[in-house]
Amino acid sequence: MPGKIEEVIEAKAAAMRELVHAKPIPPDLMERLLAEMNSLREFLDPLIHDHVALLRSWGSSWEDIGRVLGVSRQSAWEKFRYVDGRLPRGVVDAPRK
């Protein structure tokens, strides 16, 4: 599956590169692309939240998570703070670091 996700992301990026140079860009095409990007985000967001929850349950700091995501620890905390104390869906217990 990781290969499939990478292929989808690259296909979306290639489509965006083509659209940037297209003149004029039909609004309906841009709207379809936005809808496709949104569905990709809707697929990835729960996975990212579950991953952050698991890392926090293992003792990873907000600074560590922020660094990996390319944001400050404060930004990471603001986005994911509600995952503290919960495990990813389907996980009964997680080993500690």
N, C-alpha and C. Protein backbone atom coordinates (compact mmCIF):
# COMPACT_ATOMS: atom_id res chain seq x y z
N MET A 1 0.81 -1.21 0.00
CA MET A 1 0.00 0.00 0.00
C MET A 1 0.85 1.27 0.00
N PRO A 2 1.99 1.33 0.71
CA PRO A 2 2.78 2.56 0.67
C PRO A 2 3.14 2.98 -0.75
N GLY A 3 3.46 2.02 -1.62
CA GLY A 3 3.77 2.35 -3.00
C GLY A 3 2.58 2.99 -3.68
N LYS A 4 1.39 2.49 -3.40
CA LYS A 4 0.17 3.02 -3.99
C LYS A 4 -0.07 4.47 -3.55
N ILE A 5 0.12 4.75 -2.28
CA ILE A 5 -0.07 6.12 -1.78
C ILE A 5 0.91 7.06 -2.45
N GLU A 6 2.16 6.65 -2.56
CA GLU A 6 3.17 7.48 -3.21
C GLU A 6 2.80 7.74 -4.66
N GLU A 7 2.27 6.73 -5.35
CA GLU A 7 1.85 6.90 -6.74
C GLU A 7 0.71 7.91 -6.85
N VAL A 8 -0.24 7.83 -5.94
CA VAL A 8 -1.36 8.76 -5.96
C VAL A 8 -0.87 10.18 -5.71
N ILE A 9 0.00 10.35 -4.72
CA ILE A 9 0.52 11.68 -4.40
C ILE A 9 1.30 12.24 -5.58
N GLU A 10 2.14 11.43 -6.21
CA GLU A 10 2.91 11.89 -7.36
C GLU A 10 2.00 12.24 -8.53
N ALA A 11 0.96 11.45 -8.75
CA ALA A 11 0.01 11.75 -9.83
C ALA A 11 -0.68 13.08 -9.58
N LYS A 12 -1.06 13.33 -8.34
CA LYS A 12 -1.69 14.61 -8.00
C LYS A 12 -0.71 15.77 -8.20
N ALA A 13 0.53 15.57 -7.79
CA ALA A 13 1.53 16.63 -7.96
C ALA A 13 1.79 16.90 -9.43
N ALA A 14 1.86 15.85 -10.25
CA ALA A 14 2.07 16.02 -11.69
C ALA A 14 0.89 16.76 -12.32
N ALA A 15 -0.32 16.41 -11.89
CA ALA A 15 -1.50 17.10 -12.42
C ALA A 15 -1.47 18.58 -12.05
N MET A 16 -1.04 18.88 -10.83
CA MET A 16 -0.96 20.28 -10.41
C MET A 16 0.09 21.04 -11.21
N ARG A 17 1.24 20.40 -11.45
CA ARG A 17 2.28 21.06 -12.25
C ARG A 17 1.77 21.38 -13.66
N GLU A 18 1.02 20.46 -14.25
CA GLU A 18 0.46 20.71 -15.57
C GLU A 18 -0.55 21.85 -15.54
N LEU A 19 -1.38 21.88 -14.49
CA LEU A 19 -2.40 22.92 -14.40
C LEU A 19 -1.81 24.30 -14.22
N VAL A 20 -0.70 24.38 -13.51
CA VAL A 20 -0.08 25.68 -13.26
C VAL A 20 0.32 26.35 -14.57
N HIS A 21 0.70 25.53 -15.55
CA HIS A 21 1.16 26.08 -16.83
C HIS A 21 0.07 26.13 -17.89
N ALA A 22 -1.11 25.63 -17.58
CA ALA A 22 -2.23 25.66 -18.52
C ALA A 22 -2.86 27.03 -18.52
N LYS A 23 -3.26 27.50 -19.72
CA LYS A 23 -3.90 28.81 -19.81
C LYS A 23 -5.05 28.71 -20.77
N PRO A 24 -6.21 29.16 -20.45
CA PRO A 24 -6.69 29.39 -19.09
C PRO A 24 -7.07 28.07 -18.41
N ILE A 25 -7.18 28.12 -17.10
CA ILE A 25 -7.56 26.92 -16.35
C ILE A 25 -9.07 26.98 -16.11
N PRO A 26 -9.78 26.00 -16.65
CA PRO A 26 -11.23 25.99 -16.43
C PRO A 26 -11.56 25.79 -14.95
N PRO A 27 -12.44 26.61 -14.42
CA PRO A 27 -12.79 26.49 -13.00
C PRO A 27 -13.28 25.09 -12.62
N ASP A 28 -14.03 24.42 -13.50
CA ASP A 28 -14.53 23.10 -13.15
C ASP A 28 -13.39 22.10 -12.99
N LEU A 29 -12.32 22.27 -13.76
CA LEU A 29 -11.16 21.40 -13.63
C LEU A 29 -10.46 21.64 -12.30
N MET A 30 -10.30 22.90 -11.93
CA MET A 30 -9.69 23.23 -10.64
C MET A 30 -10.54 22.72 -9.48
N GLU A 31 -11.84 22.80 -9.61
CA GLU A 31 -12.72 22.31 -8.56
C GLU A 31 -12.61 20.79 -8.42
N ARG A 32 -12.53 20.08 -9.55
CA ARG A 32 -12.37 18.62 -9.49
C ARG A 32 -11.05 18.26 -8.83
N LEU A 33 -9.98 18.98 -9.17
CA LEU A 33 -8.68 18.72 -8.56
C LEU A 33 -8.73 18.98 -7.06
N LEU A 34 -9.37 20.07 -6.66
CA LEU A 34 -9.51 20.37 -5.24
C LEU A 34 -10.28 19.25 -4.53
N ALA A 35 -11.34 18.75 -5.14
CA ALA A 35 -12.12 17.67 -4.54
C ALA A 35 -11.26 16.41 -4.39
N GLU A 36 -10.43 16.12 -5.38
CA GLU A 36 -9.57 14.94 -5.30
C GLU A 36 -8.51 15.11 -4.21
N MET A 37 -7.93 16.30 -4.11
CA MET A 37 -6.95 16.54 -3.05
C MET A 37 -7.60 16.44 -1.68
N ASN A 38 -8.83 16.93 -1.56
CA ASN A 38 -9.53 16.85 -0.29
C ASN A 38 -9.80 15.40 0.10
N SER A 39 -10.16 14.55 -0.87
CA SER A 39 -10.40 13.15 -0.54
C SER A 39 -9.11 12.47 -0.11
N LEU A 40 -7.99 12.86 -0.68
CA LEU A 40 -6.71 12.31 -0.26
C LEU A 40 -6.40 12.75 1.17
N ARG A 41 -6.66 14.01 1.49
CA ARG A 41 -6.45 14.51 2.85
C ARG A 41 -7.36 13.78 3.84
N GLU A 42 -8.61 13.56 3.45
CA GLU A 42 -9.54 12.85 4.32
C GLU A 42 -9.07 11.42 4.59
N PHE A 43 -8.37 10.83 3.64
CA PHE A 43 -7.83 9.49 3.83
C PHE A 43 -6.61 9.51 4.74
N LEU A 44 -5.73 10.49 4.54
CA LEU A 44 -4.46 10.54 5.29
C LEU A 44 -4.59 11.10 6.69
N ASP A 45 -5.46 12.07 6.91
CA ASP A 45 -5.57 12.71 8.23
C ASP A 45 -5.79 11.72 9.38
N PRO A 46 -6.74 10.78 9.26
CA PRO A 46 -6.92 9.83 10.37
C PRO A 46 -5.67 8.97 10.60
N LEU A 47 -4.97 8.62 9.54
CA LEU A 47 -3.75 7.83 9.69
C LEU A 47 -2.68 8.61 10.43
N ILE A 48 -2.55 9.89 10.10
CA ILE A 48 -1.56 10.74 10.76
C ILE A 48 -1.93 10.90 12.23
N HIS A 49 -3.20 11.14 12.53
CA HIS A 49 -3.63 11.29 13.92
C HIS A 49 -3.37 10.01 14.72
N ASP A 50 -3.68 8.86 14.11
CA ASP A 50 -3.40 7.58 14.80
C ASP A 50 -1.91 7.41 15.05
N HIS A 51 -1.09 7.80 14.09
CA HIS A 51 0.36 7.66 14.24
C HIS A 51 0.87 8.56 15.37
N VAL A 52 0.36 9.78 15.42
CA VAL A 52 0.75 10.71 16.49
C VAL A 52 0.30 10.14 17.84
N ALA A 53 -0.91 9.60 17.91
CA ALA A 53 -1.40 9.00 19.17
C ALA A 53 -0.49 7.87 19.62
N LEU A 54 -0.07 7.04 18.70
CA LEU A 54 0.81 5.93 19.04
C LEU A 54 2.17 6.44 19.51
N LEU A 55 2.73 7.40 18.79
CA LEU A 55 4.02 7.98 19.21
C LEU A 55 3.92 8.60 20.59
N ARG A 56 2.84 9.32 20.86
CA ARG A 56 2.67 9.92 22.19
C ARG A 56 2.54 8.84 23.25
N SER A 57 1.83 7.74 22.94
CA SER A 57 1.69 6.66 23.93
C SER A 57 3.03 5.99 24.20
N TRP A 58 3.96 6.09 23.26
CA TRP A 58 5.31 5.53 23.43
C TRP A 58 6.26 6.53 24.09
N GLY A 59 5.78 7.75 24.34
CA GLY A 59 6.60 8.73 25.03
C GLY A 59 7.26 9.77 24.16
N SER A 60 6.95 9.81 22.87
CA SER A 60 7.53 10.85 22.01
C SER A 60 7.05 12.22 22.47
N SER A 61 7.93 13.20 22.43
CA SER A 61 7.58 14.55 22.86
C SER A 61 6.90 15.31 21.73
N TRP A 62 6.23 16.40 22.11
CA TRP A 62 5.64 17.27 21.09
C TRP A 62 6.73 17.89 20.23
N GLU A 63 7.89 18.12 20.82
CA GLU A 63 9.01 18.66 20.05
C GLU A 63 9.44 17.66 18.97
N ASP A 64 9.54 16.38 19.34
CA ASP A 64 9.91 15.33 18.36
C ASP A 64 8.89 15.27 17.22
N ILE A 65 7.62 15.26 17.58
CA ILE A 65 6.56 15.16 16.57
C ILE A 65 6.55 16.39 15.68
N GLY A 66 6.68 17.56 16.28
CA GLY A 66 6.73 18.79 15.50
C GLY A 66 7.89 18.80 14.52
N ARG A 67 9.05 18.34 14.99
CA ARG A 67 10.24 18.31 14.13
C ARG A 67 9.99 17.43 12.91
N VAL A 68 9.42 16.25 13.14
CA VAL A 68 9.15 15.32 12.03
C VAL A 68 8.14 15.92 11.05
N LEU A 69 7.15 16.62 11.56
CA LEU A 69 6.12 17.21 10.71
C LEU A 69 6.53 18.56 10.12
N GLY A 70 7.66 19.09 10.57
CA GLY A 70 8.12 20.37 10.04
C GLY A 70 7.40 21.57 10.61
N VAL A 71 6.91 21.42 11.85
CA VAL A 71 6.22 22.53 12.53
C VAL A 71 6.79 22.66 13.94
N SER A 72 6.43 23.73 14.62
CA SER A 72 6.88 23.91 15.99
C SER A 72 6.18 22.92 16.91
N ARG A 73 6.75 22.71 18.10
CA ARG A 73 6.09 21.80 19.05
C ARG A 73 4.73 22.36 19.44
N GLN A 74 4.62 23.69 19.53
CA GLN A 74 3.34 24.32 19.86
C GLN A 74 2.29 24.03 18.79
N SER A 75 2.69 24.14 17.52
CA SER A 75 1.75 23.84 16.43
C SER A 75 1.32 22.38 16.45
N ALA A 76 2.28 21.49 16.70
CA ALA A 76 1.96 20.06 16.77
C ALA A 76 0.97 19.82 17.92
N TRP A 77 1.23 20.41 19.07
CA TRP A 77 0.35 20.24 20.22
C TRP A 77 -1.05 20.77 19.92
N GLU A 78 -1.12 21.96 19.30
CA GLU A 78 -2.43 22.56 19.01
C GLU A 78 -3.26 21.67 18.08
N LYS A 79 -2.60 21.05 17.11
CA LYS A 79 -3.34 20.22 16.15
C LYS A 79 -3.71 18.85 16.71
N PHE A 80 -2.82 18.27 17.52
CA PHE A 80 -2.99 16.88 17.92
C PHE A 80 -3.20 16.67 19.43
N ARG A 81 -3.37 17.72 20.21
CA ARG A 81 -3.41 17.58 21.67
C ARG A 81 -4.46 16.61 22.16
N TYR A 82 -5.57 16.49 21.43
CA TYR A 82 -6.63 15.61 21.89
C TYR A 82 -6.25 14.13 21.78
N VAL A 83 -5.15 13.79 21.08
CA VAL A 83 -4.78 12.37 20.97
C VAL A 83 -4.09 11.87 22.23
N ASP A 84 -3.60 12.77 23.10
CA ASP A 84 -2.96 12.32 24.33
C ASP A 84 -3.92 11.45 25.13
N GLY A 85 -3.43 10.30 25.55
CA GLY A 85 -4.22 9.41 26.37
C GLY A 85 -5.11 8.45 25.59
N ARG A 86 -5.13 8.58 24.28
CA ARG A 86 -5.91 7.63 23.49
C ARG A 86 -4.98 6.86 22.57
N LEU A 87 -5.36 5.65 22.30
CA LEU A 87 -4.58 4.82 21.39
C LEU A 87 -5.24 4.83 20.02
N PRO A 88 -4.48 4.54 18.98
CA PRO A 88 -5.08 4.48 17.64
C PRO A 88 -6.23 3.46 17.59
N ARG A 89 -7.13 3.68 16.66
CA ARG A 89 -8.26 2.75 16.49
C ARG A 89 -7.76 1.33 16.35
N GLY A 90 -8.38 0.41 17.06
CA GLY A 90 -8.04 -1.00 16.95
C GLY A 90 -6.89 -1.46 17.82
N VAL A 91 -6.25 -0.53 18.53
CA VAL A 91 -5.12 -0.90 19.41
C VAL A 91 -5.63 -1.00 20.83
N VAL A 92 -5.44 -2.15 21.43
CA VAL A 92 -5.89 -2.37 22.80
C VAL A 92 -4.87 -1.86 23.80
N ASP A 93 -3.60 -2.13 23.56
CA ASP A 93 -2.55 -1.70 24.43
C ASP A 93 -1.30 -1.43 23.59
N ALA A 94 -0.53 -0.46 23.98
CA ALA A 94 0.69 -0.13 23.24
C ALA A 94 1.88 -0.23 24.17
N PRO A 95 2.96 -0.83 23.70
CA PRO A 95 4.16 -0.91 24.54
C PRO A 95 4.74 0.47 24.77
N ARG A 96 5.33 0.65 25.92
CA ARG A 96 5.97 1.93 26.26
C ARG A 96 7.45 1.88 25.86
N LYS A 97 8.00 3.06 25.63
CA LYS A 97 9.44 3.16 25.33
C LYS A 97 10.25 2.69 26.51
